[in-house]
Amino acid sequence: MKCPNCDAPLISGESVFKKNASDFVVFGFGSVNLKMKTDDGEDLLLLDASEKSAAQFCRECGVVVIATEKGRRSAVRKAEDK
């Protein structure tokens, strides 16, 4: 897959929330969800704190593409159609 921003190749991986030991000591078990605030003010849940998701990263410009739950379902349908 190519970056939608700069057309460089994307690196495949997985997005996941992780705490390092110092954050755990300071903040405890508490965790947050990954959300996006749209330009019109709507909060969209992208990734729950306990969830893992497929991700692509561009080393050139730093763009990250994360497959949300909706994206994973449509990706599965596309694979089944082939």
Protein backbone atom coordinates (compact mmCIF):
# COMPACT_ATOMS: atom_id res chain seq x y z
CA MET A 1 0.00 0.00 0.00
CA LYS A 2 1.20 3.52 -0.74
CA CYS A 3 0.92 6.57 1.49
CA PRO A 4 -2.13 8.71 0.67
CA ASN A 5 -0.08 11.82 1.52
CA CYS A 6 3.30 11.39 -0.22
CA ASP A 7 2.94 8.14 -2.22
CA ALA A 8 5.84 6.43 -0.38
CA PRO A 9 5.49 2.76 0.61
CA LEU A 10 3.73 2.07 3.92
CA ILE A 11 5.07 -0.32 6.55
CA SER A 12 2.55 -2.91 7.83
CA GLY A 13 2.09 -3.52 11.52
CA GLU A 14 -0.36 -3.40 14.38
CA SER A 15 -1.58 -0.49 16.48
CA VAL A 16 -1.93 -1.20 20.18
CA PHE A 17 -1.96 0.84 23.39
CA LYS A 18 1.02 0.08 25.65
CA LYS A 19 2.17 1.67 28.88
CA ASN A 20 5.76 1.71 29.95
CA ALA A 21 6.64 1.02 33.58
CA SER A 22 7.06 4.69 34.55
CA ASP A 23 3.61 5.61 33.17
CA PHE A 24 2.09 2.67 35.03
CA VAL A 25 3.62 3.87 38.32
CA VAL A 26 2.37 7.44 37.79
CA PHE A 27 -1.03 6.79 36.19
CA GLY A 28 -1.97 3.26 37.34
CA PHE A 29 -4.26 0.96 35.39
CA GLY A 30 -6.28 3.78 33.80
CA SER A 31 -6.25 3.94 30.02
CA VAL A 32 -7.86 5.97 27.28
CA ASN A 33 -9.41 5.27 23.90
CA LEU A 34 -8.07 6.67 20.64
CA LYS A 35 -10.58 9.19 19.35
CA MET A 36 -10.76 11.70 16.53
CA LYS A 37 -12.57 15.02 16.79
CA THR A 38 -14.00 15.93 13.39
CA ASP A 39 -13.98 19.49 12.05
CA ASP A 40 -17.69 19.76 12.93
CA GLY A 41 -17.01 18.73 16.57
CA GLU A 42 -18.09 15.07 16.50
CA ASP A 43 -16.01 12.60 18.57
CA LEU A 44 -15.33 9.37 16.68
CA LEU A 45 -14.00 6.30 18.51
CA LEU A 46 -11.12 4.91 16.44
CA LEU A 47 -9.61 2.32 18.77
CA ASP A 48 -10.70 1.10 22.19
CA ALA A 49 -7.93 1.03 24.81
CA SER A 50 -8.06 -2.79 25.03
CA GLU A 51 -8.14 -3.32 21.26
CA LYS A 52 -5.46 -4.14 18.68
CA SER A 53 -5.80 -3.14 15.06
CA ALA A 54 -3.98 -3.41 11.74
CA ALA A 55 -1.96 -0.31 10.90
CA GLN A 56 0.26 1.09 8.15
CA PHE A 57 3.00 3.70 8.76
CA CYS A 58 4.85 6.02 6.36
CA ARG A 59 8.50 6.62 7.33
CA GLU A 60 8.69 9.56 4.90
CA CYS A 61 5.94 11.83 6.23
CA GLY A 62 4.65 10.10 9.39
CA VAL A 63 1.12 9.35 8.17
CA VAL A 64 -0.51 6.41 9.99
CA VAL A 65 -3.45 4.46 8.59
CA ILE A 66 -5.38 2.45 11.22
CA ALA A 67 -8.06 -0.12 10.35
CA THR A 68 -10.98 0.66 12.64
CA GLU A 69 -13.63 -1.98 13.39
CA LYS A 70 -15.65 -0.79 10.38
CA GLY A 71 -12.55 -0.94 8.15
CA ARG A 72 -11.66 -4.46 9.26
CA ARG A 73 -15.13 -5.73 8.34
CA SER A 74 -15.02 -4.22 4.84
CA ALA A 75 -11.45 -5.48 4.35
CA VAL A 76 -12.62 -9.02 5.16
CA ARG A 77 -15.49 -8.71 2.64
CA LYS A 78 -13.04 -7.59 -0.07
CA ALA A 79 -10.77 -10.57 0.63
CA GLU A 80 -13.72 -12.97 0.49
CA ASP A 81 -14.83 -11.55 -2.87
CA LYS A 82 -11.49 -12.40 -4.53
